[in-house]
């Protein structure tokens, strides 16, 4: 029976890939820079510091990293209310809560980027904690984010936790691999319908109905 749920954030809880891209476009335009659209996939996989370094190396960005990140964060947080939840997410959050499954967020992103979004969307109370890039040194697909998050859940609950009693929910194949290597069963909620399923996913879905069915099947929790 499922006891712990580990959620990725971007494009898993909310559909925010387009808004993350837009924050860079708008901020750069304000400073006279242009971002080529063919790097969207690169920016999707990177965190803020990595994207800043890419822009320094490839388009000559001369704004200090922390200054730039504060600007993109300010724009993003002012507009994040526009971002929709992925279908079935609120149902799943409440389904887990009803059955006393403890939940957390495990993300490659910066805390300053994620926490305000959780608050604006009024879902921060569902989670025991947010585990972000400040909490570990390796990035997904390395298993460290999930292993260290599981250890933190053990500290908070005072329990020894079997990874088999956990479930990770991820969109990105890199995150799927990270959870898999940590020994945690994982549902891949693909961001694009035609995206190939990750070979490391226990199940890979796209539509809301598929997602709900996967949650019920993998959690062992009654659907009521």
N, C-alpha and C. Protein backbone atom coordinates (compact mmCIF):
# COMPACT_ATOMS: atom_id res chain seq x y z
N UNK A 1 0.85 -1.20 0.00
CA UNK A 1 0.00 0.00 0.00
C UNK A 1 0.88 1.25 0.00
N UNK A 2 0.55 2.19 -0.83
CA UNK A 2 1.33 3.41 -0.95
C UNK A 2 1.28 4.23 0.34
N UNK A 3 2.46 4.74 0.75
CA UNK A 3 2.54 5.57 1.94
C UNK A 3 3.14 6.94 1.68
N UNK A 4 3.93 7.07 0.61
CA UNK A 4 4.63 8.32 0.33
C UNK A 4 4.62 8.60 -1.17
N UNK A 5 4.32 9.84 -1.54
CA UNK A 5 4.29 10.26 -2.95
C UNK A 5 5.28 11.40 -3.15
N UNK A 6 6.13 11.25 -4.15
CA UNK A 6 7.17 12.22 -4.48
C UNK A 6 6.84 12.82 -5.84
N UNK A 7 6.50 14.09 -5.87
CA UNK A 7 6.10 14.78 -7.09
C UNK A 7 7.25 15.60 -7.67
N UNK A 8 7.49 15.47 -8.95
CA UNK A 8 8.22 16.50 -9.66
C UNK A 8 7.31 17.72 -9.77
N UNK A 9 7.87 18.87 -10.14
CA UNK A 9 7.05 20.08 -10.19
C UNK A 9 6.74 20.52 -11.62
N UNK A 10 7.73 21.08 -12.29
CA UNK A 10 7.49 21.70 -13.60
C UNK A 10 6.97 20.68 -14.61
N UNK A 11 5.82 21.00 -15.19
CA UNK A 11 5.18 20.20 -16.23
C UNK A 11 4.70 18.84 -15.72
N UNK A 12 4.72 18.67 -14.41
CA UNK A 12 4.12 17.50 -13.77
C UNK A 12 2.93 17.95 -12.93
N UNK A 13 3.17 18.88 -12.01
CA UNK A 13 2.06 19.48 -11.27
C UNK A 13 1.31 20.50 -12.12
N UNK A 14 2.06 21.35 -12.80
CA UNK A 14 1.47 22.41 -13.62
C UNK A 14 2.08 22.40 -15.01
N UNK A 15 1.36 22.97 -15.95
CA UNK A 15 1.84 23.06 -17.33
C UNK A 15 2.53 24.42 -17.52
N UNK A 16 3.79 24.47 -17.15
CA UNK A 16 4.46 25.77 -17.11
C UNK A 16 5.68 25.89 -18.02
N UNK A 17 5.88 24.95 -18.94
CA UNK A 17 7.04 25.04 -19.84
C UNK A 17 7.00 26.33 -20.65
N UNK A 18 5.82 26.66 -21.19
CA UNK A 18 5.71 27.86 -22.02
C UNK A 18 5.99 29.12 -21.21
N UNK A 19 5.55 29.16 -19.97
CA UNK A 19 5.77 30.36 -19.15
C UNK A 19 7.23 30.49 -18.75
N UNK A 20 7.89 29.36 -18.49
CA UNK A 20 9.32 29.42 -18.18
C UNK A 20 10.11 29.95 -19.39
N UNK A 21 9.72 29.54 -20.57
CA UNK A 21 10.39 30.05 -21.78
C UNK A 21 10.11 31.54 -21.96
N UNK A 22 8.86 31.93 -21.74
CA UNK A 22 8.46 33.32 -21.94
C UNK A 22 9.20 34.25 -20.99
N UNK A 23 9.46 33.80 -19.75
CA UNK A 23 10.14 34.68 -18.79
C UNK A 23 11.54 35.04 -19.29
N UNK A 24 12.20 34.10 -19.95
CA UNK A 24 13.53 34.39 -20.50
C UNK A 24 13.41 35.31 -21.72
N UNK A 25 12.45 35.01 -22.59
CA UNK A 25 12.26 35.85 -23.77
C UNK A 25 12.03 37.31 -23.39
N UNK A 26 11.09 37.53 -22.48
CA UNK A 26 10.72 38.90 -22.09
C UNK A 26 11.88 39.60 -21.41
N UNK A 27 12.52 38.93 -20.46
CA UNK A 27 13.63 39.54 -19.73
C UNK A 27 14.78 39.89 -20.66
N UNK A 28 15.11 38.99 -21.56
CA UNK A 28 16.20 39.26 -22.49
C UNK A 28 15.87 40.39 -23.45
N UNK A 29 14.63 40.43 -23.94
CA UNK A 29 14.22 41.52 -24.83
C UNK A 29 14.35 42.86 -24.13
N UNK A 30 14.05 42.89 -22.84
CA UNK A 30 14.18 44.14 -22.08
C UNK A 30 15.62 44.63 -22.03
N UNK A 31 16.56 43.71 -22.21
CA UNK A 31 17.98 44.06 -22.17
C UNK A 31 18.62 44.04 -23.56
N UNK A 32 17.80 43.89 -24.61
CA UNK A 32 18.31 43.95 -25.96
C UNK A 32 18.90 42.66 -26.49
N UNK A 33 18.54 41.52 -25.89
CA UNK A 33 19.04 40.22 -26.35
C UNK A 33 17.90 39.44 -27.01
N UNK A 34 18.29 38.50 -27.86
CA UNK A 34 17.31 37.64 -28.53
C UNK A 34 17.65 36.19 -28.24
N UNK A 35 16.65 35.40 -27.93
CA UNK A 35 16.85 33.99 -27.61
C UNK A 35 16.34 33.14 -28.78
N UNK A 36 17.21 32.34 -29.41
CA UNK A 36 16.77 31.53 -30.55
C UNK A 36 15.81 30.44 -30.10
N UNK A 37 14.71 30.24 -30.83
CA UNK A 37 13.68 29.28 -30.40
C UNK A 37 14.14 27.83 -30.42
N UNK A 38 15.22 27.52 -31.14
CA UNK A 38 15.63 26.12 -31.23
C UNK A 38 16.33 25.62 -29.96
N UNK A 39 16.43 26.46 -28.94
CA UNK A 39 17.04 26.01 -27.69
C UNK A 39 15.99 25.76 -26.61
N UNK A 40 14.73 25.73 -26.98
CA UNK A 40 13.68 25.50 -26.00
C UNK A 40 13.89 24.21 -25.23
N UNK A 41 14.24 23.13 -25.92
CA UNK A 41 14.43 21.85 -25.26
C UNK A 41 15.59 21.92 -24.27
N UNK A 42 16.66 22.61 -24.64
CA UNK A 42 17.80 22.78 -23.73
C UNK A 42 17.36 23.51 -22.46
N UNK A 43 16.60 24.60 -22.63
CA UNK A 43 16.14 25.38 -21.49
C UNK A 43 15.16 24.58 -20.63
N UNK A 44 14.40 23.73 -21.26
CA UNK A 44 13.44 22.88 -20.54
C UNK A 44 14.16 21.96 -19.56
N UNK A 45 15.31 21.41 -19.97
CA UNK A 45 16.05 20.48 -19.12
C UNK A 45 16.91 21.19 -18.09
N UNK A 46 17.33 22.42 -18.37
CA UNK A 46 18.26 23.13 -17.49
C UNK A 46 17.55 23.81 -16.34
N UNK A 47 18.32 24.12 -15.29
CA UNK A 47 17.81 25.00 -14.24
C UNK A 47 18.25 26.43 -14.53
N UNK A 48 17.88 27.36 -13.67
CA UNK A 48 18.15 28.77 -13.93
C UNK A 48 19.62 29.10 -14.09
N UNK A 49 20.47 28.55 -13.21
CA UNK A 49 21.89 28.83 -13.30
C UNK A 49 22.49 28.29 -14.60
N UNK A 50 22.04 27.11 -15.01
CA UNK A 50 22.55 26.52 -16.25
C UNK A 50 22.11 27.34 -17.46
N UNK A 51 20.87 27.80 -17.44
CA UNK A 51 20.39 28.62 -18.56
C UNK A 51 21.13 29.95 -18.61
N UNK A 52 21.40 30.55 -17.46
CA UNK A 52 22.18 31.79 -17.44
C UNK A 52 23.56 31.55 -18.04
N UNK A 53 24.21 30.44 -17.68
CA UNK A 53 25.54 30.16 -18.22
C UNK A 53 25.49 29.93 -19.72
N UNK A 54 24.43 29.26 -20.19
CA UNK A 54 24.27 29.06 -21.64
C UNK A 54 24.18 30.41 -22.34
N UNK A 55 23.44 31.34 -21.78
CA UNK A 55 23.28 32.65 -22.41
C UNK A 55 24.58 33.46 -22.38
N UNK A 56 25.34 33.33 -21.31
CA UNK A 56 26.65 33.98 -21.25
C UNK A 56 27.55 33.43 -22.37
N UNK A 57 27.53 32.13 -22.54
CA UNK A 57 28.42 31.48 -23.50
C UNK A 57 27.98 31.66 -24.95
N UNK A 58 26.67 31.74 -25.20
CA UNK A 58 26.17 31.69 -26.57
C UNK A 58 25.61 33.00 -27.11
N UNK A 59 25.09 33.87 -26.25
CA UNK A 59 24.57 35.14 -26.77
C UNK A 59 25.23 36.33 -26.10
N UNK A 60 26.26 36.09 -25.30
CA UNK A 60 27.04 37.17 -24.71
C UNK A 60 26.35 37.92 -23.59
N UNK A 61 25.45 37.28 -22.87
CA UNK A 61 24.75 37.93 -21.76
C UNK A 61 25.76 38.46 -20.75
N UNK A 62 25.63 39.73 -20.39
CA UNK A 62 26.59 40.31 -19.44
C UNK A 62 25.93 40.78 -18.15
N UNK A 63 24.76 40.21 -17.83
CA UNK A 63 24.07 40.52 -16.58
C UNK A 63 24.49 39.51 -15.52
N UNK A 64 24.86 39.94 -14.33
CA UNK A 64 25.24 38.98 -13.28
C UNK A 64 24.13 37.96 -13.04
N UNK A 65 24.54 36.75 -12.71
CA UNK A 65 23.59 35.64 -12.58
C UNK A 65 22.46 35.96 -11.60
N UNK A 66 22.80 36.39 -10.39
CA UNK A 66 21.76 36.61 -9.39
C UNK A 66 20.81 37.73 -9.79
N UNK A 67 21.34 38.76 -10.46
CA UNK A 67 20.49 39.84 -10.95
C UNK A 67 19.51 39.32 -11.99
N UNK A 68 20.04 38.52 -12.92
CA UNK A 68 19.19 37.98 -13.98
C UNK A 68 18.12 37.06 -13.40
N UNK A 69 18.49 36.18 -12.49
CA UNK A 69 17.52 35.25 -11.92
C UNK A 69 16.44 35.98 -11.13
N UNK A 70 16.79 37.05 -10.44
CA UNK A 70 15.78 37.83 -9.73
C UNK A 70 14.78 38.44 -10.71
N UNK A 71 15.26 38.90 -11.86
CA UNK A 71 14.37 39.50 -12.85
C UNK A 71 13.42 38.46 -13.45
N UNK A 72 13.97 37.30 -13.85
CA UNK A 72 13.08 36.29 -14.45
C UNK A 72 12.11 35.73 -13.40
N UNK A 73 12.57 35.60 -12.15
CA UNK A 73 11.67 35.12 -11.10
C UNK A 73 10.53 36.10 -10.87
N UNK A 74 10.85 37.39 -10.86
CA UNK A 74 9.82 38.40 -10.62
C UNK A 74 8.76 38.35 -11.72
N UNK A 75 9.20 38.23 -12.97
CA UNK A 75 8.23 38.16 -14.08
C UNK A 75 7.40 36.88 -13.99
N UNK A 76 8.07 35.76 -13.72
CA UNK A 76 7.39 34.47 -13.64
C UNK A 76 6.34 34.47 -12.52
N UNK A 77 6.72 34.95 -11.36
CA UNK A 77 5.78 34.92 -10.23
C UNK A 77 4.61 35.87 -10.42
N UNK A 78 4.83 36.94 -11.18
CA UNK A 78 3.74 37.87 -11.48
C UNK A 78 2.74 37.27 -12.46
N UNK A 79 3.17 36.23 -13.18
CA UNK A 79 2.31 35.66 -14.22
C UNK A 79 1.94 34.20 -13.98
N UNK A 80 2.46 33.60 -12.90
CA UNK A 80 2.28 32.17 -12.70
C UNK A 80 0.83 31.79 -12.42
N UNK A 81 0.01 32.75 -12.00
CA UNK A 81 -1.40 32.44 -11.78
C UNK A 81 -2.09 31.97 -13.07
N UNK A 82 -1.50 32.29 -14.23
CA UNK A 82 -2.07 31.89 -15.51
C UNK A 82 -1.88 30.40 -15.80
N UNK A 83 -0.93 29.78 -15.12
CA UNK A 83 -0.53 28.41 -15.44
C UNK A 83 -1.59 27.43 -14.95
N UNK A 84 -2.06 26.53 -15.81
CA UNK A 84 -3.05 25.55 -15.37
C UNK A 84 -2.39 24.33 -14.72
N UNK A 85 -3.12 23.69 -13.82
CA UNK A 85 -2.69 22.39 -13.34
C UNK A 85 -2.79 21.38 -14.48
N UNK A 86 -1.96 20.39 -14.46
CA UNK A 86 -2.15 19.28 -15.38
C UNK A 86 -3.40 18.52 -14.95
N UNK A 87 -4.12 18.02 -15.92
CA UNK A 87 -5.36 17.32 -15.64
C UNK A 87 -5.16 16.17 -14.67
N UNK A 88 -5.99 16.11 -13.65
CA UNK A 88 -5.94 15.03 -12.68
C UNK A 88 -5.05 15.30 -11.49
N UNK A 89 -4.27 16.37 -11.51
CA UNK A 89 -3.34 16.63 -10.42
C UNK A 89 -4.07 16.94 -9.12
N UNK A 90 -5.04 17.84 -9.16
CA UNK A 90 -5.77 18.16 -7.93
C UNK A 90 -6.51 16.94 -7.40
N UNK A 91 -7.05 16.14 -8.29
CA UNK A 91 -7.69 14.89 -7.86
C UNK A 91 -6.68 14.01 -7.15
N UNK A 92 -5.48 13.84 -7.73
CA UNK A 92 -4.46 12.97 -7.13
C UNK A 92 -3.97 13.51 -5.79
N UNK A 93 -3.75 14.83 -5.70
CA UNK A 93 -3.32 15.42 -4.44
C UNK A 93 -4.33 15.12 -3.34
N UNK A 94 -5.60 15.29 -3.65
CA UNK A 94 -6.64 15.05 -2.66
C UNK A 94 -6.84 13.56 -2.38
N UNK A 95 -6.67 12.73 -3.40
CA UNK A 95 -6.77 11.28 -3.23
C UNK A 95 -5.70 10.79 -2.25
N UNK A 96 -4.48 11.25 -2.44
CA UNK A 96 -3.40 10.88 -1.52
C UNK A 96 -3.66 11.41 -0.11
N UNK A 97 -4.07 12.66 -0.04
CA UNK A 97 -4.33 13.26 1.28
C UNK A 97 -5.41 12.50 2.02
N UNK A 98 -6.47 12.12 1.32
CA UNK A 98 -7.58 11.41 1.94
C UNK A 98 -7.14 10.07 2.53
N UNK A 99 -6.14 9.46 1.89
CA UNK A 99 -5.67 8.15 2.34
C UNK A 99 -4.37 8.26 3.15
N UNK A 100 -4.08 9.48 3.62
CA UNK A 100 -2.96 9.72 4.55
C UNK A 100 -1.60 9.39 3.95
N UNK A 101 -1.48 9.57 2.65
CA UNK A 101 -0.19 9.43 1.97
C UNK A 101 0.56 10.75 2.12
N UNK A 102 1.75 10.71 2.68
CA UNK A 102 2.55 11.93 2.83
C UNK A 102 3.20 12.27 1.49
N UNK A 103 3.17 13.56 1.14
CA UNK A 103 3.62 13.99 -0.17
C UNK A 103 4.73 15.04 -0.05
N UNK A 104 5.59 15.08 -1.06
CA UNK A 104 6.62 16.12 -1.14
C UNK A 104 6.90 16.41 -2.60
N UNK A 105 7.62 17.49 -2.84
CA UNK A 105 8.04 17.88 -4.18
C UNK A 105 9.54 17.70 -4.28
N UNK A 106 9.99 17.04 -5.35
CA UNK A 106 11.42 16.84 -5.61
C UNK A 106 11.73 17.41 -6.99
N UNK A 107 12.48 18.50 -7.02
CA UNK A 107 12.68 19.23 -8.26
C UNK A 107 14.13 19.63 -8.45
N UNK A 108 14.55 19.69 -9.72
CA UNK A 108 15.88 20.22 -10.06
C UNK A 108 15.91 21.74 -9.98
N UNK A 109 14.75 22.36 -9.89
CA UNK A 109 14.67 23.82 -9.94
C UNK A 109 15.09 24.45 -8.61
N UNK A 110 15.26 25.77 -8.66
CA UNK A 110 15.59 26.54 -7.46
C UNK A 110 14.35 26.73 -6.58
N UNK A 111 14.58 26.75 -5.28
CA UNK A 111 13.47 26.96 -4.35
C UNK A 111 12.75 28.28 -4.63
N UNK A 112 13.53 29.33 -4.95
CA UNK A 112 12.93 30.64 -5.20
C UNK A 112 12.03 30.65 -6.42
N UNK A 113 12.23 29.69 -7.31
CA UNK A 113 11.37 29.59 -8.48
C UNK A 113 10.10 28.80 -8.18
N UNK A 114 10.23 27.75 -7.35
CA UNK A 114 9.13 26.81 -7.14
C UNK A 114 8.20 27.21 -6.01
N UNK A 115 8.74 27.62 -4.87
CA UNK A 115 7.91 27.87 -3.69
C UNK A 115 6.80 28.89 -3.94
N UNK A 116 7.09 30.03 -4.57
CA UNK A 116 6.00 30.98 -4.81
C UNK A 116 4.90 30.42 -5.72
N UNK A 117 5.28 29.55 -6.66
CA UNK A 117 4.27 28.94 -7.52
C UNK A 117 3.34 28.05 -6.69
N UNK A 118 3.91 27.24 -5.79
CA UNK A 118 3.08 26.38 -4.94
C UNK A 118 2.12 27.21 -4.11
N UNK A 119 2.58 28.37 -3.66
CA UNK A 119 1.74 29.24 -2.83
C UNK A 119 0.65 29.93 -3.65
N UNK A 120 1.03 30.44 -4.83
CA UNK A 120 0.04 31.10 -5.69
C UNK A 120 -1.06 30.13 -6.11
N UNK A 121 -0.67 28.89 -6.40
CA UNK A 121 -1.64 27.87 -6.82
C UNK A 121 -2.32 27.21 -5.63
N UNK A 122 -1.94 27.63 -4.41
CA UNK A 122 -2.58 27.18 -3.16
C UNK A 122 -2.50 25.66 -2.97
N UNK A 123 -1.31 25.10 -3.21
CA UNK A 123 -1.13 23.66 -3.01
C UNK A 123 0.04 23.34 -2.07
N UNK A 124 0.70 24.37 -1.55
CA UNK A 124 1.86 24.10 -0.70
C UNK A 124 1.49 23.27 0.54
N UNK A 125 0.26 23.40 1.01
CA UNK A 125 -0.14 22.69 2.24
C UNK A 125 -0.25 21.17 2.04
N UNK A 126 -0.28 20.72 0.80
CA UNK A 126 -0.35 19.28 0.55
C UNK A 126 0.97 18.58 0.84
N UNK A 127 2.06 19.34 0.86
CA UNK A 127 3.38 18.74 0.87
C UNK A 127 4.07 18.88 2.23
N UNK A 128 4.76 17.82 2.61
CA UNK A 128 5.55 17.85 3.83
C UNK A 128 6.74 18.78 3.68
N UNK A 129 7.30 18.81 2.47
CA UNK A 129 8.45 19.67 2.21
C UNK A 129 8.66 19.79 0.71
N UNK A 130 9.42 20.81 0.35
CA UNK A 130 9.90 21.02 -1.02
C UNK A 130 11.39 20.71 -1.03
N UNK A 131 11.80 19.81 -1.89
CA UNK A 131 13.21 19.39 -2.01
C UNK A 131 13.73 19.90 -3.34
N UNK A 132 14.55 20.95 -3.29
CA UNK A 132 15.00 21.65 -4.50
C UNK A 132 16.51 21.55 -4.67
N UNK A 133 17.05 22.22 -5.69
CA UNK A 133 18.46 22.06 -6.00
C UNK A 133 19.38 22.50 -4.86
N UNK A 134 18.88 23.33 -3.95
CA UNK A 134 19.69 23.75 -2.81
C UNK A 134 19.91 22.61 -1.79
N UNK A 135 19.14 21.53 -1.92
CA UNK A 135 19.19 20.45 -0.93
C UNK A 135 20.11 19.29 -1.32
N UNK A 136 20.70 19.35 -2.51
CA UNK A 136 21.57 18.25 -2.94
C UNK A 136 22.56 18.78 -3.97
N UNK A 137 23.54 17.96 -4.32
CA UNK A 137 24.60 18.43 -5.22
C UNK A 137 24.51 17.85 -6.62
N UNK A 138 23.82 16.76 -6.81
CA UNK A 138 23.70 16.14 -8.13
C UNK A 138 22.29 16.38 -8.68
N UNK A 139 22.18 16.41 -10.01
CA UNK A 139 20.89 16.65 -10.65
C UNK A 139 20.32 15.35 -11.20
N UNK A 140 18.99 15.31 -11.31
CA UNK A 140 18.39 14.24 -12.07
C UNK A 140 19.04 14.24 -13.47
N UNK A 141 19.42 13.10 -14.00
CA UNK A 141 19.00 11.72 -13.69
C UNK A 141 19.76 11.01 -12.59
N UNK A 142 20.69 11.69 -11.91
CA UNK A 142 21.33 11.08 -10.76
C UNK A 142 20.27 10.80 -9.70
N UNK A 143 20.34 9.67 -9.02
CA UNK A 143 19.32 9.34 -8.02
C UNK A 143 19.39 10.16 -6.74
N UNK A 144 20.46 10.98 -6.56
CA UNK A 144 20.63 11.71 -5.31
C UNK A 144 19.41 12.53 -4.91
N UNK A 145 18.76 13.27 -5.82
CA UNK A 145 17.60 14.05 -5.38
C UNK A 145 16.54 13.18 -4.69
N UNK A 146 16.26 12.01 -5.26
CA UNK A 146 15.23 11.16 -4.67
C UNK A 146 15.73 10.43 -3.43
N UNK A 147 16.96 9.97 -3.46
CA UNK A 147 17.49 9.29 -2.28
C UNK A 147 17.55 10.24 -1.09
N UNK A 148 18.00 11.46 -1.32
CA UNK A 148 18.11 12.40 -0.20
C UNK A 148 16.73 12.87 0.26
N UNK A 149 15.77 12.98 -0.67
CA UNK A 149 14.40 13.33 -0.28
C UNK A 149 13.78 12.23 0.56
N UNK A 150 14.04 10.98 0.19
CA UNK A 150 13.52 9.86 0.97
C UNK A 150 14.13 9.88 2.38
N UNK A 151 15.43 10.15 2.45
CA UNK A 151 16.08 10.25 3.76
C UNK A 151 15.48 11.39 4.59
N UNK A 152 15.15 12.49 3.93
CA UNK A 152 14.53 13.60 4.66
C UNK A 152 13.14 13.23 5.16
N UNK A 153 12.41 12.48 4.35
CA UNK A 153 11.09 12.02 4.78
C UNK A 153 11.23 11.08 5.99
N UNK A 154 12.27 10.27 6.00
CA UNK A 154 12.51 9.41 7.16
C UNK A 154 12.80 10.24 8.41
N UNK A 155 13.59 11.30 8.24
CA UNK A 155 13.89 12.16 9.39
C UNK A 155 12.63 12.82 9.93
N UNK A 156 11.79 13.30 9.02
CA UNK A 156 10.58 14.00 9.44
C UNK A 156 9.58 13.07 10.12
N UNK A 157 9.47 11.84 9.61
CA UNK A 157 8.46 10.92 10.12
C UNK A 157 8.99 10.02 11.23
N UNK A 158 10.33 9.94 11.35
CA UNK A 158 10.90 9.03 12.33
C UNK A 158 10.72 7.57 11.96
N UNK A 159 10.52 7.30 10.67
CA UNK A 159 10.27 5.94 10.21
C UNK A 159 11.38 5.49 9.26
N UNK A 160 11.60 4.17 9.21
CA UNK A 160 12.39 3.59 8.15
C UNK A 160 11.46 3.34 6.96
N UNK A 161 11.79 3.91 5.82
CA UNK A 161 10.87 3.87 4.68
C UNK A 161 11.42 2.94 3.61
N UNK A 162 10.60 2.01 3.19
CA UNK A 162 10.92 1.14 2.07
C UNK A 162 10.56 1.86 0.78
N UNK A 163 11.49 1.96 -0.14
CA UNK A 163 11.23 2.66 -1.40
C UNK A 163 10.05 2.06 -2.16
N UNK A 164 9.79 0.78 -1.93
CA UNK A 164 8.67 0.13 -2.60
C UNK A 164 7.33 0.66 -2.12
N UNK A 165 7.31 1.34 -0.97
CA UNK A 165 6.08 1.94 -0.44
C UNK A 165 5.91 3.38 -0.91
N UNK A 166 6.76 3.79 -1.83
CA UNK A 166 6.74 5.16 -2.35
C UNK A 166 6.33 5.15 -3.83
N UNK A 167 5.98 6.33 -4.32
CA UNK A 167 5.66 6.50 -5.73
C UNK A 167 6.17 7.86 -6.17
N UNK A 168 6.89 7.89 -7.28
CA UNK A 168 7.33 9.15 -7.88
C UNK A 168 6.48 9.43 -9.11
N UNK A 169 6.22 10.71 -9.34
CA UNK A 169 5.46 11.15 -10.51
C UNK A 169 6.31 12.18 -11.23
N UNK A 170 6.66 11.89 -12.48
CA UNK A 170 7.62 12.68 -13.25
C UNK A 170 7.13 12.85 -14.68
N UNK A 171 7.53 13.95 -15.30
CA UNK A 171 7.27 14.10 -16.73
C UNK A 171 8.52 13.81 -17.56
N UNK A 172 9.67 14.28 -17.08
CA UNK A 172 10.91 14.24 -17.84
C UNK A 172 11.58 12.88 -17.71
N UNK A 173 12.04 12.29 -18.82
CA UNK A 173 12.76 11.01 -18.73
C UNK A 173 13.95 11.05 -17.78
N UNK A 174 14.61 12.21 -17.64
CA UNK A 174 15.74 12.31 -16.71
C UNK A 174 15.26 12.11 -15.27
N UNK A 175 14.11 12.68 -14.95
CA UNK A 175 13.55 12.49 -13.62
C UNK A 175 13.06 11.08 -13.39
N UNK A 176 12.50 10.48 -14.43
CA UNK A 176 12.07 9.09 -14.34
C UNK A 176 13.26 8.20 -14.00
N UNK A 177 14.35 8.41 -14.69
CA UNK A 177 15.56 7.61 -14.44
C UNK A 177 16.07 7.83 -13.02
N UNK A 178 16.03 9.08 -12.54
CA UNK A 178 16.49 9.37 -11.18
C UNK A 178 15.69 8.59 -10.15
N UNK A 179 14.37 8.60 -10.29
CA UNK A 179 13.52 7.87 -9.34
C UNK A 179 13.76 6.37 -9.45
N UNK A 180 13.87 5.88 -10.67
CA UNK A 180 14.10 4.45 -10.90
C UNK A 180 15.40 4.00 -10.25
N UNK A 181 16.47 4.78 -10.41
CA UNK A 181 17.76 4.42 -9.83
C UNK A 181 17.74 4.49 -8.30
N UNK A 182 16.83 5.29 -7.77
CA UNK A 182 16.66 5.36 -6.30
C UNK A 182 15.78 4.23 -5.78
N UNK A 183 15.28 3.39 -6.68
CA UNK A 183 14.46 2.26 -6.28
C UNK A 183 13.00 2.58 -6.06
N UNK A 184 12.57 3.76 -6.49
CA UNK A 184 11.19 4.21 -6.27
C UNK A 184 10.35 3.94 -7.52
N UNK A 185 9.24 3.24 -7.41
CA UNK A 185 8.35 3.07 -8.56
C UNK A 185 7.93 4.43 -9.10
N UNK A 186 7.77 4.54 -10.42
CA UNK A 186 7.55 5.86 -11.00
C UNK A 186 6.53 5.82 -12.13
N UNK A 187 5.62 6.77 -12.07
CA UNK A 187 4.69 7.03 -13.17
C UNK A 187 5.28 8.17 -14.00
N UNK A 188 5.43 7.96 -15.28
CA UNK A 188 5.81 9.05 -16.17
C UNK A 188 4.55 9.67 -16.75
N UNK A 189 4.35 10.94 -16.46
CA UNK A 189 3.25 11.70 -17.06
C UNK A 189 3.88 12.52 -18.19
N UNK A 190 3.92 11.94 -19.38
CA UNK A 190 4.62 12.58 -20.50
C UNK A 190 4.07 13.98 -20.75
N UNK A 191 4.98 14.91 -21.03
CA UNK A 191 4.55 16.28 -21.30
C UNK A 191 3.95 16.39 -22.69
N UNK A 192 4.41 15.57 -23.63
CA UNK A 192 3.88 15.57 -24.99
C UNK A 192 3.33 14.19 -25.31
N UNK A 193 2.19 14.16 -25.96
CA UNK A 193 1.52 12.89 -26.23
C UNK A 193 2.41 11.92 -27.02
N UNK A 194 3.12 12.46 -28.03
CA UNK A 194 3.89 11.61 -28.93
C UNK A 194 5.30 11.32 -28.44
N UNK A 195 5.64 11.80 -27.26
CA UNK A 195 6.95 11.55 -26.70
C UNK A 195 7.11 10.06 -26.39
N UNK A 196 8.25 9.46 -26.74
CA UNK A 196 8.44 8.03 -26.43
C UNK A 196 8.46 7.81 -24.92
N UNK A 197 7.81 6.75 -24.45
CA UNK A 197 7.85 6.46 -23.02
C UNK A 197 9.28 6.16 -22.56
N UNK A 198 9.59 6.57 -21.35
CA UNK A 198 10.90 6.24 -20.78
C UNK A 198 10.95 4.76 -20.45
N UNK A 199 12.04 4.08 -20.81
CA UNK A 199 12.16 2.66 -20.46
C UNK A 199 12.27 2.42 -18.96
N UNK A 200 12.56 3.48 -18.19
CA UNK A 200 12.69 3.34 -16.74
C UNK A 200 11.37 3.56 -16.00
N UNK A 201 10.32 3.94 -16.71
CA UNK A 201 9.02 4.17 -16.07
C UNK A 201 8.31 2.85 -15.83
N UNK A 202 7.66 2.74 -14.67
CA UNK A 202 6.81 1.58 -14.43
C UNK A 202 5.57 1.65 -15.31
N UNK A 203 5.11 2.86 -15.54
CA UNK A 203 4.02 3.09 -16.48
C UNK A 203 4.17 4.50 -17.02
N UNK A 204 3.85 4.68 -18.30
CA UNK A 204 3.96 5.99 -18.94
C UNK A 204 2.61 6.35 -19.53
N UNK A 205 2.10 7.54 -19.17
CA UNK A 205 0.77 7.97 -19.59
C UNK A 205 0.81 9.41 -20.06
N UNK A 206 -0.25 9.82 -20.70
CA UNK A 206 -0.38 11.22 -21.10
C UNK A 206 -1.73 11.79 -20.67
N UNK A 207 -2.82 11.14 -21.05
CA UNK A 207 -4.15 11.67 -20.79
C UNK A 207 -4.52 11.59 -19.31
N UNK A 208 -5.47 12.45 -18.92
CA UNK A 208 -5.90 12.49 -17.52
C UNK A 208 -6.49 11.16 -17.07
N UNK A 209 -7.32 10.55 -17.90
CA UNK A 209 -7.94 9.29 -17.51
C UNK A 209 -6.88 8.21 -17.28
N UNK A 210 -5.87 8.18 -18.15
CA UNK A 210 -4.78 7.23 -17.98
C UNK A 210 -4.03 7.50 -16.68
N UNK A 211 -3.84 8.77 -16.39
CA UNK A 211 -3.11 9.16 -15.19
C UNK A 211 -3.86 8.71 -13.94
N UNK A 212 -5.15 8.96 -13.90
CA UNK A 212 -5.93 8.55 -12.73
C UNK A 212 -5.89 7.03 -12.55
N UNK A 213 -6.02 6.32 -13.65
CA UNK A 213 -5.98 4.87 -13.58
C UNK A 213 -4.63 4.38 -13.08
N UNK A 214 -3.56 5.01 -13.54
CA UNK A 214 -2.22 4.63 -13.10
C UNK A 214 -2.04 4.88 -11.61
N UNK A 215 -2.55 6.01 -11.11
CA UNK A 215 -2.47 6.31 -9.69
C UNK A 215 -3.17 5.22 -8.87
N UNK A 216 -4.37 4.84 -9.28
CA UNK A 216 -5.14 3.84 -8.55
C UNK A 216 -4.43 2.49 -8.61
N UNK A 217 -3.98 2.11 -9.80
CA UNK A 217 -3.37 0.79 -9.98
C UNK A 217 -2.05 0.67 -9.21
N UNK A 218 -1.24 1.71 -9.23
CA UNK A 218 0.10 1.63 -8.62
C UNK A 218 0.07 1.91 -7.12
N UNK A 219 -0.93 2.63 -6.66
CA UNK A 219 -0.96 2.97 -5.23
C UNK A 219 -1.60 1.87 -4.37
N UNK A 220 -2.51 1.11 -4.98
CA UNK A 220 -3.24 0.12 -4.19
C UNK A 220 -4.28 0.73 -3.28
N UNK A 221 -4.53 2.04 -3.45
CA UNK A 221 -5.51 2.74 -2.61
C UNK A 221 -6.89 2.62 -3.23
N UNK A 222 -7.93 2.46 -2.43
CA UNK A 222 -9.28 2.38 -2.98
C UNK A 222 -9.66 3.68 -3.67
N UNK A 223 -10.32 3.57 -4.79
CA UNK A 223 -10.71 4.76 -5.57
C UNK A 223 -12.06 5.27 -5.09
N UNK A 224 -12.05 5.85 -3.91
CA UNK A 224 -13.28 6.41 -3.36
C UNK A 224 -12.95 7.53 -2.39
